[in-house]
C-alpha atoms as a PDB file:
ATOM      1  CA  MET A   1      20.142 103.078  68.301  1.00  0.00           C
ATOM      2  CA  VAL A   2      22.026 106.082  70.344  1.00  0.00           C
ATOM      3  CA  VAL A   3      25.259 104.955  71.860  1.00  0.00           C
ATOM      4  CA  SER A   4      26.863 106.391  75.088  1.00  0.00           C
ATOM      5  CA  ILE A   5      30.462 105.886  75.583  1.00  0.00           C
ATOM      6  CA  GLU A   6      31.872 107.068  78.928  1.00  0.00           C
ATOM      7  CA  ARG A   7      34.307 110.039  78.679  1.00  0.00           C
ATOM      8  CA  THR A   8      36.385 110.210  81.595  1.00  0.00           C
ATOM      9  CA  ASP A   9      39.891 112.094  81.882  1.00  0.00           C
ATOM     10  CA  GLU A  10      41.573 108.735  81.725  1.00  0.00           C
ATOM     11  CA  ASN A  11      39.760 107.713  78.826  1.00  0.00           C
ATOM     12  CA  VAL A  12      40.411 110.715  76.850  1.00  0.00           C
ATOM     13  CA  SER A  13      44.240 110.618  77.876  1.00  0.00           C
ATOM     14  CA  SER A  14      44.353 106.883  76.797  1.00  0.00           C
ATOM     15  CA  ALA A  15      42.838 107.749  73.253  1.00  0.00           C
ATOM     16  CA  ARG A  16      45.010 110.507  73.025  1.00  0.00           C
ATOM     17  CA  GLN A  17      48.200 108.538  73.238  1.00  0.00           C
ATOM     18  CA  ARG A  18      46.825 105.968  70.780  1.00  0.00           C
ATOM     19  CA  LEU A  19      46.044 108.454  68.203  1.00  0.00           C
ATOM     20  CA  LEU A  20      49.474 110.479  68.738  1.00  0.00           C
ATOM     21  CA  GLY A  21      51.137 106.683  68.461  1.00  0.00           C
ATOM     22  CA  TRP A  22      49.556 106.395  65.204  1.00  0.00           C
ATOM     23  CA  TYR A  23      50.391 110.035  64.221  1.00  0.00           C
ATOM     24  CA  ASP A  24      53.939 109.209  64.885  1.00  0.00           C
ATOM     25  CA  ARG A  25      53.949 106.319  62.667  1.00  0.00           C
ATOM     26  CA  ASN A  26      51.534 107.846  59.846  1.00  0.00           C
ATOM     27  CA  ALA A  27      52.120 111.676  59.759  1.00  0.00           C
ATOM     28  CA  ARG A  28      51.836 113.382  56.445  1.00  0.00           C
ATOM     29  CA  VAL A  29      54.922 115.116  55.115  1.00  0.00           C
ATOM     30  CA  LEU A  30      53.835 118.620  54.365  1.00  0.00           C
ATOM     31  CA  PRO A  31      56.053 121.550  53.288  1.00  0.00           C
ATOM     32  CA  TRP A  32      54.726 124.005  56.007  1.00  0.00           C
ATOM     33  CA  ARG A  33      54.893 121.327  58.864  1.00  0.00           C
ATOM     34  CA  GLU A  34      57.598 120.047  61.119  1.00  0.00           C
ATOM     35  CA  GLY A  35      57.285 116.546  62.085  1.00  0.00           C
ATOM     36  CA  PRO A  36      55.862 114.541  64.826  1.00  0.00           C
ATOM     37  CA  GLY A  37      57.645 115.803  68.402  1.00  0.00           C
ATOM     38  CA  ALA A  38      59.890 118.248  66.506  1.00  0.00           C
ATOM     39  CA  ALA A  39      61.908 119.867  68.677  1.00  0.00           C
ATOM     40  CA  LEU A  40      62.109 123.043  66.302  1.00  0.00           C
ATOM     41  CA  LYS A  41      59.614 125.618  65.957  1.00  0.00           C
ATOM     42  CA  ALA A  42      57.700 125.881  62.576  1.00  0.00           C
ATOM     43  CA  ASP A  43      58.061 129.074  60.827  1.00  0.00           C
ATOM     44  CA  PRO A  44      54.756 131.144  61.699  1.00  0.00           C
ATOM     45  CA  TYR A  45      54.749 132.934  58.589  1.00  0.00           C
ATOM     46  CA  ARG A  46      54.847 129.680  56.576  1.00  0.00           C
ATOM     47  CA  VAL A  47      52.060 128.170  58.882  1.00  0.00           C
ATOM     48  CA  TRP A  48      49.876 131.272  58.405  1.00  0.00           C
ATOM     49  CA  MET A  49      50.519 131.215  54.868  1.00  0.00           C
ATOM     50  CA  SER A  50      49.392 127.591  54.421  1.00  0.00           C
ATOM     51  CA  GLU A  51      46.306 128.155  56.390  1.00  0.00           C
ATOM     52  CA  VAL A  52      45.117 130.712  54.391  1.00  0.00           C
ATOM     53  CA  MET A  53      45.710 128.875  51.393  1.00  0.00           C
ATOM     54  CA  LEU A  54      43.994 125.833  52.692  1.00  0.00           C
ATOM     55  CA  GLN A  55      40.913 127.451  53.558  1.00  0.00           C
ATOM     56  CA  GLN A  56      38.383 126.360  50.932  1.00  0.00           C
ATOM     57  CA  THR A  57      40.713 124.092  49.167  1.00  0.00           C
ATOM     58  CA  THR A  58      42.742 120.752  49.056  1.00  0.00           C
ATOM     59  CA  VAL A  59      46.316 120.106  50.363  1.00  0.00           C
ATOM     60  CA  PRO A  60      47.168 118.736  46.778  1.00  0.00           C
ATOM     61  CA  HIS A  61      45.631 122.236  45.033  1.00  0.00           C
ATOM     62  CA  ALA A  62      47.042 124.351  47.674  1.00  0.00           C
ATOM     63  CA  THR A  63      50.866 122.623  47.798  1.00  0.00           C
ATOM     64  CA  PRO A  64      52.393 124.200  44.725  1.00  0.00           C
ATOM     65  CA  TYR A  65      50.888 127.748  45.306  1.00  0.00           C
ATOM     66  CA  PHE A  66      52.539 127.475  48.766  1.00  0.00           C
ATOM     67  CA  GLU A  67      55.898 126.575  47.211  1.00  0.00           C
ATOM     68  CA  LYS A  68      55.575 129.466  44.797  1.00  0.00           C
ATOM     69  CA  PHE A  69      54.776 131.996  47.259  1.00  0.00           C
ATOM     70  CA  THR A  70      57.443 131.319  49.790  1.00  0.00           C
ATOM     71  CA  ALA A  71      59.830 131.014  46.824  1.00  0.00           C
ATOM     72  CA  LEU A  72      58.824 134.439  45.600  1.00  0.00           C
ATOM     73  CA  TRP A  73      58.725 136.050  49.087  1.00  0.00           C
ATOM     74  CA  PRO A  74      60.521 134.067  51.483  1.00  0.00           C
ATOM     75  CA  SER A  75      59.672 136.150  54.540  1.00  0.00           C
ATOM     76  CA  VAL A  76      56.790 138.300  55.753  1.00  0.00           C
ATOM     77  CA  ALA A  77      58.615 141.302  55.007  1.00  0.00           C
ATOM     78  CA  ASP A  78      59.163 140.285  51.541  1.00  0.00           C
ATOM     79  CA  LEU A  79      55.466 139.558  51.004  1.00  0.00           C
ATOM     80  CA  ALA A  80      54.699 143.055  52.487  1.00  0.00           C
ATOM     81  CA  ALA A  81      56.680 144.625  50.073  1.00  0.00           C
ATOM     82  CA  ALA A  82      55.225 142.742  47.059  1.00  0.00           C
ATOM     83  CA  PRO A  83      53.005 144.863  44.555  1.00  0.00           C
ATOM     84  CA  ASP A  84      49.605 144.322  44.931  1.00  0.00           C
ATOM     85  CA  GLU A  85      48.753 143.260  41.408  1.00  0.00           C
ATOM     86  CA  ARG A  86      51.640 140.832  41.437  1.00  0.00           C
ATOM     87  CA  VAL A  87      50.321 138.789  44.457  1.00  0.00           C
ATOM     88  CA  MET A  88      47.009 138.626  42.864  1.00  0.00           C
ATOM     89  CA  ALA A  89      48.090 137.441  39.722  1.00  0.00           C
ATOM     90  CA  GLU A  90      50.138 134.748  41.161  1.00  0.00           C
ATOM     91  CA  TRP A  91      47.040 133.760  43.445  1.00  0.00           C
ATOM     92  CA  ALA A  92      45.012 133.249  40.339  1.00  0.00           C
ATOM     93  CA  GLY A  93      43.276 129.870  40.611  1.00  0.00           C
ATOM     94  CA  LEU A  94      43.114 129.486  44.357  1.00  0.00           C
ATOM     95  CA  GLY A  95      39.854 131.404  44.434  1.00  0.00           C
ATOM     96  CA  TYR A  96      38.413 133.271  47.260  1.00  0.00           C
ATOM     97  CA  TYR A  97      40.467 136.560  46.346  1.00  0.00           C
ATOM     98  CA  SER A  98      39.460 138.428  49.427  1.00  0.00           C
ATOM     99  CA  ARG A  99      42.000 136.086  51.008  1.00  0.00           C
ATOM    100  CA  ALA A 100      44.661 137.378  48.908  1.00  0.00           C
ATOM    101  CA  ARG A 101      43.853 140.865  49.764  1.00  0.00           C
ATOM    102  CA  ASN A 102      43.828 140.180  53.644  1.00  0.00           C
ATOM    103  CA  LEU A 103      47.219 138.169  53.100  1.00  0.00           C
ATOM    104  CA  LEU A 104      49.017 141.687  51.986  1.00  0.00           C
ATOM    105  CA  LYS A 105      47.048 143.692  54.714  1.00  0.00           C
ATOM    106  CA  CYS A 106      47.972 140.844  57.328  1.00  0.00           C
ATOM    107  CA  ALA A 107      51.674 140.984  56.141  1.00  0.00           C
ATOM    108  CA  ARG A 108      51.873 144.807  56.177  1.00  0.00           C
ATOM    109  CA  ALA A 109      50.459 144.942  59.744  1.00  0.00           C
ATOM    110  CA  VAL A 110      52.724 142.358  61.063  1.00  0.00           C
ATOM    111  CA  VAL A 111      55.924 144.268  59.591  1.00  0.00           C
ATOM    112  CA  ASN A 112      54.526 147.635  60.535  1.00  0.00           C
ATOM    113  CA  GLU A 113      52.839 146.848  63.990  1.00  0.00           C
ATOM    114  CA  HIS A 114      55.056 143.880  65.150  1.00  0.00           C
ATOM    115  CA  GLY A 115      58.466 144.521  63.640  1.00  0.00           C
ATOM    116  CA  GLY A 116      58.018 141.799  61.048  1.00  0.00           C
ATOM    117  CA  VAL A 117      57.392 139.327  63.856  1.00  0.00           C
ATOM    118  CA  PHE A 118      53.945 137.242  64.218  1.00  0.00           C
ATOM    119  CA  PRO A 119      52.889 137.809  68.122  1.00  0.00           C
ATOM    120  CA  ALA A 120      52.714 134.495  69.958  1.00  0.00           C
ATOM    121  CA  ASP A 121      49.577 135.542  71.447  1.00  0.00           C
ATOM    122  CA  GLU A 122      46.014 134.526  70.478  1.00  0.00           C
ATOM    123  CA  ALA A 123      44.263 137.691  70.984  1.00  0.00           C
ATOM    124  CA  ALA A 124      46.904 139.647  69.199  1.00  0.00           C
ATOM    125  CA  LEU A 125      46.709 137.463  66.330  1.00  0.00           C
ATOM    126  CA  LEU A 126      42.890 137.867  66.354  1.00  0.00           C
ATOM    127  CA  LYS A 127      43.429 141.471  65.746  1.00  0.00           C
ATOM    128  CA  LEU A 128      45.305 141.000  62.275  1.00  0.00           C
ATOM    129  CA  PRO A 129      43.526 141.372  59.101  1.00  0.00           C
ATOM    130  CA  GLY A 130      42.243 137.976  57.976  1.00  0.00           C
ATOM    131  CA  PHE A 131      42.574 136.062  61.252  1.00  0.00           C
ATOM    132  CA  GLY A 132      39.627 134.387  62.780  1.00  0.00           C
ATOM    133  CA  PRO A 133      39.456 132.034  65.616  1.00  0.00           C
ATOM    134  CA  TYR A 134      40.573 128.981  63.355  1.00  0.00           C
ATOM    135  CA  THR A 135      43.505 130.473  61.963  1.00  0.00           C
ATOM    136  CA  ALA A 136      44.783 132.150  65.385  1.00  0.00           C
ATOM    137  CA  ALA A 137      44.488 128.813  67.058  1.00  0.00           C
ATOM    138  CA  ALA A 138      46.227 126.957  64.284  1.00  0.00           C
ATOM    139  CA  VAL A 139      48.941 129.630  64.297  1.00  0.00           C
ATOM    140  CA  MET A 140      49.641 129.196  68.168  1.00  0.00           C
ATOM    141  CA  ALA A 141      49.325 125.415  67.839  1.00  0.00           C
ATOM    142  CA  PHE A 142      51.358 124.790  64.887  1.00  0.00           C
ATOM    143  CA  ALA A 143      53.942 127.666  65.336  1.00  0.00           C
ATOM    144  CA  PHE A 144      54.189 128.409  68.906  1.00  0.00           C
ATOM    145  CA  GLY A 145      53.297 124.976  70.213  1.00  0.00           C
ATOM    146  CA  LYS A 146      50.729 126.364  72.292  1.00  0.00           C
ATOM    147  CA  ALA A 147      47.374 124.578  73.550  1.00  0.00           C
ATOM    148  CA  ALA A 148      44.847 125.792  71.361  1.00  0.00           C
ATOM    149  CA  ASN A 149      41.648 124.361  70.288  1.00  0.00           C
ATOM    150  CA  VAL A 150      42.065 124.028  66.614  1.00  0.00           C
ATOM    151  CA  VAL A 151      39.034 122.731  64.933  1.00  0.00           C
ATOM    152  CA  ASP A 152      38.386 123.148  61.162  1.00  0.00           C
ATOM    153  CA  GLY A 153      35.746 121.120  58.862  1.00  0.00           C
ATOM    154  CA  ASN A 154      37.904 117.742  59.391  1.00  0.00           C
ATOM    155  CA  ILE A 155      38.120 117.858  63.057  1.00  0.00           C
ATOM    156  CA  GLU A 156      34.533 118.711  63.322  1.00  0.00           C
ATOM    157  CA  ARG A 157      33.832 115.426  61.139  1.00  0.00           C
ATOM    158  CA  VAL A 158      35.948 113.536  63.700  1.00  0.00           C
ATOM    159  CA  MET A 159      34.128 114.985  66.602  1.00  0.00           C
ATOM    160  CA  SER A 160      30.522 114.413  65.369  1.00  0.00           C
ATOM    161  CA  ARG A 161      31.426 110.729  64.828  1.00  0.00           C
ATOM    162  CA  LEU A 162      33.233 110.148  68.259  1.00  0.00           C
ATOM    163  CA  TYR A 163      30.257 111.732  69.959  1.00  0.00           C
ATOM    164  CA  ALA A 164      27.391 110.784  67.274  1.00  0.00           C
ATOM    165  CA  VAL A 165      26.287 114.482  67.443  1.00  0.00           C
ATOM    166  CA  LYS A 166      22.528 114.500  65.897  1.00  0.00           C
ATOM    167  CA  THR A 167      22.315 117.935  65.215  1.00  0.00           C
ATOM    168  CA  PRO A 168      23.380 119.067  61.575  1.00  0.00           C
ATOM    169  CA  VAL A 169      26.081 121.325  60.700  1.00  0.00           C
ATOM    170  CA  PRO A 170      26.399 124.576  60.675  1.00  0.00           C
ATOM    171  CA  GLN A 171      23.916 124.579  63.776  1.00  0.00           C
ATOM    172  CA  ALA A 172      26.239 121.873  65.504  1.00  0.00           C
ATOM    173  CA  ARG A 173      29.504 123.754  65.118  1.00  0.00           C
ATOM    174  CA  PRO A 174      29.495 125.631  68.923  1.00  0.00           C
ATOM    175  CA  LEU A 175      28.884 122.057  70.377  1.00  0.00           C
ATOM    176  CA  LEU A 176      31.677 120.628  68.286  1.00  0.00           C
ATOM    177  CA  ARG A 177      34.075 122.970  69.302  1.00  0.00           C
ATOM    178  CA  GLU A 178      32.999 122.557  72.881  1.00  0.00           C
ATOM    179  CA  LEU A 179      33.704 118.736  72.470  1.00  0.00           C
ATOM    180  CA  ALA A 180      36.945 119.363  70.684  1.00  0.00           C
ATOM    181  CA  ALA A 181      38.408 121.472  73.425  1.00  0.00           C
ATOM    182  CA  ARG A 182      37.757 118.505  76.070  1.00  0.00           C
ATOM    183  CA  TRP A 183      40.979 116.978  74.131  1.00  0.00           C
ATOM    184  CA  VAL A 184      43.244 119.827  74.327  1.00  0.00           C
ATOM    185  CA  ARG A 185      46.258 119.412  76.547  1.00  0.00           C
ATOM    186  CA  GLU A 186      49.546 121.179  76.908  1.00  0.00           C
ATOM    187  CA  ASP A 187      51.009 117.680  76.250  1.00  0.00           C
ATOM    188  CA  ARG A 188      52.113 117.623  72.448  1.00  0.00           C
ATOM    189  CA  ALA A 189      49.898 120.725  71.739  1.00  0.00           C
ATOM    190  CA  ARG A 190      51.309 121.099  68.458  1.00  0.00           C
ATOM    191  CA  ASP A 191      51.078 117.372  67.428  1.00  0.00           C
ATOM    192  CA  TRP A 192      47.319 116.908  68.605  1.00  0.00           C
ATOM    193  CA  PRO A 193      45.389 118.733  66.106  1.00  0.00           C
ATOM    194  CA  GLN A 194      47.771 117.731  63.374  1.00  0.00           C
ATOM    195  CA  ALA A 195      47.154 114.225  64.385  1.00  0.00           C
ATOM    196  CA  LEU A 196      43.345 114.726  64.202  1.00  0.00           C
ATOM    197  CA  MET A 197      43.673 116.267  60.519  1.00  0.00           C
ATOM    198  CA  ASP A 198      45.839 113.538  59.208  1.00  0.00           C
ATOM    199  CA  LEU A 199      43.400 110.874  60.490  1.00  0.00           C
ATOM    200  CA  SER A 200      40.602 112.750  58.989  1.00  0.00           C
ATOM    201  CA  ALA A 201      42.521 113.048  55.676  1.00  0.00           C
ATOM    202  CA  SER A 202      43.429 109.288  55.638  1.00  0.00           C
ATOM    203  CA  VAL A 203      41.078 107.266  57.922  1.00  0.00           C
ATOM    204  CA  CYS A 204      38.079 109.197  58.954  1.00  0.00           C
ATOM    205  CA  ARG A 205      37.358 110.397  55.504  1.00  0.00           C
ATOM    206  CA  PRO A 206      34.001 111.795  54.441  1.00  0.00           C
ATOM    207  CA  LYS A 207      33.003 108.638  52.694  1.00  0.00           C
ATOM    208  CA  SER A 208      34.709 105.242  52.732  1.00  0.00           C
ATOM    209  CA  ALA A 209      35.850 105.653  56.393  1.00  0.00           C
ATOM    210  CA  SER A 210      38.504 103.061  57.020  1.00  0.00           C
ATOM    211  CA  CYS A 211      37.301 102.579  60.537  1.00  0.00           C
ATOM    212  CA  LEU A 212      38.822  99.214  61.196  1.00  0.00           C
ATOM    213  CA  ILE A 213      42.240 100.654  61.345  1.00  0.00           C
ATOM    214  CA  CYS A 214      41.376 103.736  63.192  1.00  0.00           C
ATOM    215  CA  PRO A 215      43.459 104.274  66.428  1.00  0.00           C
ATOM    216  CA  LEU A 216      39.879 105.811  68.035  1.00  0.00           C
ATOM    217  CA  ARG A 217      37.783 103.240  67.003  1.00  0.00           C
ATOM    218  CA  GLU A 218      36.854 101.975  70.552  1.00  0.00           C
ATOM    219  CA  ASP A 219      36.021 105.327  71.427  1.00  0.00           C
ATOM    220  CA  CYS A 220      33.743 106.223  68.617  1.00  0.00           C
ATOM    221  CA  ALA A 221      29.991 106.572  69.374  1.00  0.00           C
ATOM    222  CA  ALA A 222      29.504 106.440  65.615  1.00  0.00           C
ATOM    223  CA  PHE A 223      31.322 103.324  64.793  1.00  0.00           C
ATOM    224  CA  ALA A 224      29.394 101.778  67.742  1.00  0.00           C
ATOM    225  CA  GLU A 225      26.328 102.540  66.106  1.00  0.00           C
ATOM    226  CA  GLY A 226      27.306 101.079  62.857  1.00  0.00           C
ATOM    227  CA  GLN A 227      26.993 104.129  60.599  1.00  0.00           C
ATOM    228  CA  PRO A 228      30.036 106.291  60.984  1.00  0.00           C
ATOM    229  CA  GLU A 229      29.520 107.989  57.467  1.00  0.00           C
ATOM    230  CA  ALA A 230      25.888 109.264  58.516  1.00  0.00           C
ATOM    231  CA  TYR A 231      27.970 112.108  60.389  1.00  0.00           C
ATOM    232  CA  PRO A 232      28.496 114.905  60.558  1.00  0.00           C
ATOM    233  CA  ARG A 233      24.467 115.539  59.798  1.00  0.00           C
ATOM    234  CA  LYS A 234      24.081 118.390  57.333  1.00  0.00           C
ATOM    235  CA  ALA A 235      21.215 120.734  57.049  1.00  0.00           C
ATOM    236  CA  ALA A 236      19.492 120.727  53.687  1.00  0.00           C
ATOM    237  CA  LYS A 237      21.180 123.502  51.332  1.00  0.00           C
ATOM    238  CA  ALA A 238      18.929 126.189  49.707  1.00  0.00           C
ATOM    239  CA  PRO A 239      19.504 126.395  45.916  1.00  0.00           C
ATOM    240  CA  LYS A 240      21.713 129.092  44.936  1.00  0.00           C
ATOM    241  CA  PRO A 241      20.356 131.777  43.282  1.00  0.00           C
ATOM    242  CA  ALA A 242      21.459 132.016  39.265  1.00  0.00           C
ATOM    243  CA  ARG A 243      22.763 134.976  37.660  1.00  0.00           C
ATOM    244  CA  HIS A 244      23.527 135.507  33.985  1.00  0.00           C
ATOM    245  CA  GLY A 245      26.401 137.433  32.148  1.00  0.00           C
ATOM    246  CA  VAL A 246      27.892 138.428  29.080  1.00  0.00           C
ATOM    247  CA  ALA A 247      31.679 138.211  28.721  1.00  0.00           C
ATOM    248  CA  PHE A 248      33.679 139.783  25.385  1.00  0.00           C
ATOM    249  CA  LEU A 249      36.648 137.982  24.173  1.00  0.00           C
ATOM    250  CA  ILE A 250      38.560 140.866  22.069  1.00  0.00           C
ATOM    251  CA  THR A 251      41.495 138.931  20.391  1.00  0.00           C
ATOM    252  CA  SER A 252      44.096 139.722  17.967  1.00  0.00           C
ATOM    253  CA  GLU A 253      47.288 137.695  16.969  1.00  0.00           C
ATOM    254  CA  ASP A 254      49.098 139.424  20.128  1.00  0.00           C
ATOM    255  CA  GLY A 255      46.678 138.476  22.448  1.00  0.00           C
ATOM    256  CA  PHE A 256      43.149 139.610  23.967  1.00  0.00           C
ATOM    257  CA  VAL A 257      42.110 142.277  25.959  1.00  0.00           C
ATOM    258  CA  VAL A 258      41.278 142.518  29.855  1.00  0.00           C
ATOM    259  CA  GLU A 259      40.400 145.170  32.361  1.00  0.00           C
ATOM    260  CA  ARG A 260      41.468 145.513  35.823  1.00  0.00           C
ATOM    261  CA  ARG A 261      38.316 145.201  38.166  1.00  0.00           C
ATOM    262  CA  PRO A 262      37.659 147.654  40.831  1.00  0.00           C
ATOM    263  CA  ASP A 263      39.821 146.872  44.304  1.00  0.00           C
ATOM    264  CA  LYS A 264      36.467 146.189  46.450  1.00  0.00           C
ATOM    265  CA  GLY A 265      33.755 143.759  45.680  1.00  0.00           C
ATOM    266  CA  LEU A 266      34.037 140.228  44.102  1.00  0.00           C
ATOM    267  CA  LEU A 267      37.272 139.291  42.581  1.00  0.00           C
ATOM    268  CA  GLY A 268      38.547 142.713  43.496  1.00  0.00           C
ATOM    269  CA  GLY A 269      41.808 143.972  41.946  1.00  0.00           C
ATOM    270  CA  MET A 270      42.051 141.226  39.701  1.00  0.00           C
ATOM    271  CA  LEU A 271      42.337 141.254  35.921  1.00  0.00           C
ATOM    272  CA  GLY A 272      39.134 140.055  34.133  1.00  0.00           C
ATOM    273  CA  LEU A 273      37.385 140.059  30.734  1.00  0.00           C
ATOM    274  CA  PRO A 274      35.115 143.077  29.821  1.00  0.00           C
ATOM    275  CA  HIS A 275      31.672 141.672  30.564  1.00  0.00           C
ATOM    276  CA  LEU A 276      28.181 143.008  31.406  1.00  0.00           C
ATOM    277  CA  GLU A 277      26.486 142.866  34.776  1.00  0.00           C
ATOM    278  CA  TRP A 278      25.753 139.527  36.532  1.00  0.00           C
ATOM    279  CA  ARG A 279      21.992 139.806  36.975  1.00  0.00           C
ATOM    280  CA  ALA A 280      18.866 137.742  37.576  1.00  0.00           C
ATOM    281  CA  GLU A 281      17.773 137.648  33.868  1.00  0.00           C
ATOM    282  CA  VAL A 282      19.190 136.032  30.898  1.00  0.00           C
ATOM    283  CA  TRP A 283      20.752 138.575  28.476  1.00  0.00           C
ATOM    284  CA  GLY A 284      18.789 138.747  25.185  1.00  0.00           C
ATOM    285  CA  GLU A 285      20.920 139.358  22.250  1.00  0.00           C
ATOM    286  CA  ALA A 286      18.932 142.430  21.086  1.00  0.00           C
ATOM    287  CA  GLU A 287      19.892 143.910  24.277  1.00  0.00           C
ATOM    288  CA  ILE A 288      23.705 143.483  24.995  1.00  0.00           C
ATOM    289  CA  VAL A 289      25.723 146.513  24.362  1.00  0.00           C
ATOM    290  CA  PHE A 290      29.115 145.327  22.923  1.00  0.00           C
ATOM    291  CA  PRO A 291      32.116 147.385  23.378  1.00  0.00           C
ATOM    292  CA  SER A 292      32.694 150.287  20.641  1.00  0.00           C
ATOM    293  CA  ILE A 293      34.553 148.966  17.982  1.00  0.00           C
ATOM    294  CA  ARG A 294      34.734 149.787  14.314  1.00  0.00           C
ATOM    295  CA  HIS A 295      33.234 146.856  13.461  1.00  0.00           C
ATOM    296  CA  CYS A 296      29.625 145.993  12.503  1.00  0.00           C
ATOM    297  CA  ARG A 297      27.348 144.163  15.119  1.00  0.00           C
ATOM    298  CA  ASP A 298      27.693 141.134  12.845  1.00  0.00           C
ATOM    299  CA  ALA A 299      31.422 140.581  13.392  1.00  0.00           C
ATOM    300  CA  TRP A 300      30.652 139.401  16.970  1.00  0.00           C
ATOM    301  CA  GLU A 301      30.687 135.515  17.130  1.00  0.00           C
ATOM    302  CA  ASN A 302      28.871 133.858  19.943  1.00  0.00           C
ATOM    303  CA  LEU A 303      30.788 131.346  21.258  1.00  0.00           C
ATOM    304  CA  GLY A 304      28.649 129.681  23.878  1.00  0.00           C
ATOM    305  CA  THR A 305      27.731 129.675  27.700  1.00  0.00           C
ATOM    306  CA  TYR A 306      29.725 128.432  30.503  1.00  0.00           C
ATOM    307  CA  ALA A 307      28.846 127.957  34.246  1.00  0.00           C
ATOM    308  CA  HIS A 308      30.861 129.035  37.094  1.00  0.00           C
ATOM    309  CA  VAL A 309      29.579 128.542  40.743  1.00  0.00           C
ATOM    310  CA  PHE A 310      30.525 131.109  43.364  1.00  0.00           C
ATOM    311  CA  THR A 311      29.879 131.083  47.232  1.00  0.00           C
ATOM    312  CA  HIS A 312      26.714 132.780  47.281  1.00  0.00           C
ATOM    313  CA  PHE A 313      25.268 132.144  43.512  1.00  0.00           C
ATOM    314  CA  ALA A 314      25.694 130.299  40.145  1.00  0.00           C
ATOM    315  CA  LEU A 315      26.585 132.317  37.110  1.00  0.00           C
ATOM    316  CA  ASN A 316      25.892 131.134  33.671  1.00  0.00           C
ATOM    317  CA  GLN A 317      27.820 133.412  31.405  1.00  0.00           C
ATOM    318  CA  GLN A 318      27.827 133.958  27.300  1.00  0.00           C
ATOM    319  CA  VAL A 319      31.003 134.499  25.524  1.00  0.00           C
ATOM    320  CA  TRP A 320      30.956 136.722  22.606  1.00  0.00           C
ATOM    321  CA  ARG A 321      34.068 137.100  20.380  1.00  0.00           C
ATOM    322  CA  ILE A 322      35.580 139.254  17.900  1.00  0.00           C
ATOM    323  CA  GLU A 323      39.131 138.968  16.123  1.00  0.00           C
ATOM    324  CA  LEU A 324      40.856 142.281  15.356  1.00  0.00           C
ATOM    325  CA  SER A 325      43.983 142.840  13.382  1.00  0.00           C
ATOM    326  CA  ALA A 326      46.889 144.209  15.111  1.00  0.00           C
ATOM    327  CA  ASP A 327      46.564 147.754  13.932  1.00  0.00           C
ATOM    328  CA  GLU A 328      42.850 147.462  15.135  1.00  0.00           C
ATOM    329  CA  MET A 329      43.775 146.354  18.389  1.00  0.00           C
ATOM    330  CA  THR A 330      46.081 149.032  18.811  1.00  0.00           C
ATOM    331  CA  ALA A 331      43.496 151.563  17.841  1.00  0.00           C
ATOM    332  CA  PHE A 332      41.053 149.924  20.271  1.00  0.00           C
ATOM    333  CA  LEU A 333      43.493 150.007  23.146  1.00  0.00           C
ATOM    334  CA  ARG A 334      44.313 153.628  22.562  1.00  0.00           C
ATOM    335  CA  GLU A 335      40.593 154.874  22.377  1.00  0.00           C
ATOM    336  CA  HIS A 336      39.752 152.504  25.633  1.00  0.00           C
ATOM    337  CA  ASN A 337      42.815 153.424  27.855  1.00  0.00           C
ATOM    338  CA  ALA A 338      40.839 151.642  30.721  1.00  0.00           C
ATOM    339  CA  TYR A 339      41.549 148.420  29.034  1.00  0.00           C
ATOM    340  CA  GLN A 340      45.070 146.604  28.897  1.00  0.00           C
ATOM    341  CA  GLY A 341      46.422 144.080  26.493  1.00  0.00           C
ATOM    342  CA  LEU A 342      47.385 140.492  27.933  1.00  0.00           C
ATOM    343  CA  SER A 343      49.441 138.264  26.102  1.00  0.00           C
ATOM    344  CA  TRP A 344      48.397 134.409  26.098  1.00  0.00           C
ATOM    345  CA  ALA A 345      51.429 133.314  27.998  1.00  0.00           C
ATOM    346  CA  ASP A 346      49.560 135.213  31.050  1.00  0.00           C
ATOM    347  CA  VAL A 347      46.346 133.571  30.693  1.00  0.00           C
ATOM    348  CA  LYS A 348      47.405 131.993  34.322  1.00  0.00           C
ATOM    349  CA  THR A 349      46.787 135.501  35.607  1.00  0.00           C
ATOM    350  CA  LEU A 350      42.985 135.461  34.975  1.00  0.00           C
ATOM    351  CA  PRO A 351      40.519 134.071  37.888  1.00  0.00           C
ATOM    352  CA  THR A 352      38.846 131.207  36.872  1.00  0.00           C
ATOM    353  CA  VAL A 353      35.408 132.564  36.007  1.00  0.00           C
ATOM    354  CA  PHE A 354      37.155 134.474  33.255  1.00  0.00           C
ATOM    355  CA  ALA A 355      39.762 131.582  32.165  1.00  0.00           C
ATOM    356  CA  LYS A 356      36.653 129.250  31.526  1.00  0.00           C
ATOM    357  CA  ALA A 357      35.753 131.602  28.861  1.00  0.00           C
ATOM    358  CA  LEU A 358      39.036 130.992  26.869  1.00  0.00           C
ATOM    359  CA  LYS A 359      38.241 127.305  26.838  1.00  0.00           C
ATOM    360  CA  LEU A 360      35.086 128.024  24.596  1.00  0.00           C
END
């Protein structure tokens, strides 16, 4: 069944008021947000920080990172002056480490090119490192209260259901942006996208949508069809290619060995375990080249294999471990000065793909 719901300016205005009224009563309390109808402007630095962290993760997971970062670096100038390695270490666990590198680049650009003040202009924001259309629109709306078309995956879901969009995502995204733009007004420009996001988080959920309490129920074509959870339609995903690696866990009573990865590329600038190339073929034991240690090959123990999924491939990584005495570890680190010793207390500084190796 195909349902058509009339969309006049009057209908849209009425629906907006119902959703904003719902938001006034049900808004989430978030550390980077000013409440409904707040007269105070939100800090652009905090808004930007939260939006970068919330990419590809959830509010509960991102919140403690946001609180830690803003406590360590309360202003964009503080962040711009922070050492790269400290910021990357504190980011560990949030994933997508290019975001952390862009975070520093952007902070320094704001300080060097804009006197430490985020520009209240969408075109100017788009010129900053790491800013795309969504982040620029979000900062314009949430920090400066400007009418902007803020569209993330959650708002895409709401729009796809309101209009029962049959085209699957990602092909439907240009259409969903166009549909979302029809609801943007100067009136309560900051609150409108936040209301949509809160609706998507608590009512218009991906599964188990609570349509009977939704303030937009009578405007929703997917609800009228009786199948809201069929939207958004999604194109079939191609399977991710598999890669295989070997990580080396070189331990002593003082800790274990790590190396700093190149600044460019996957996990750039992060600490990681020494490892072999991630390749399409499984590494056979006979072809593994172990780090040069004054031990025979038999001293290495195979701890097993673990899986880790990146955006573009799935990794299966063997872990081989060797235990050294304190003197042997000192000699190894002296011989291989590219490696750095890391104490067990600093395990949190490792990206997840290597922290998983320690769990074996």
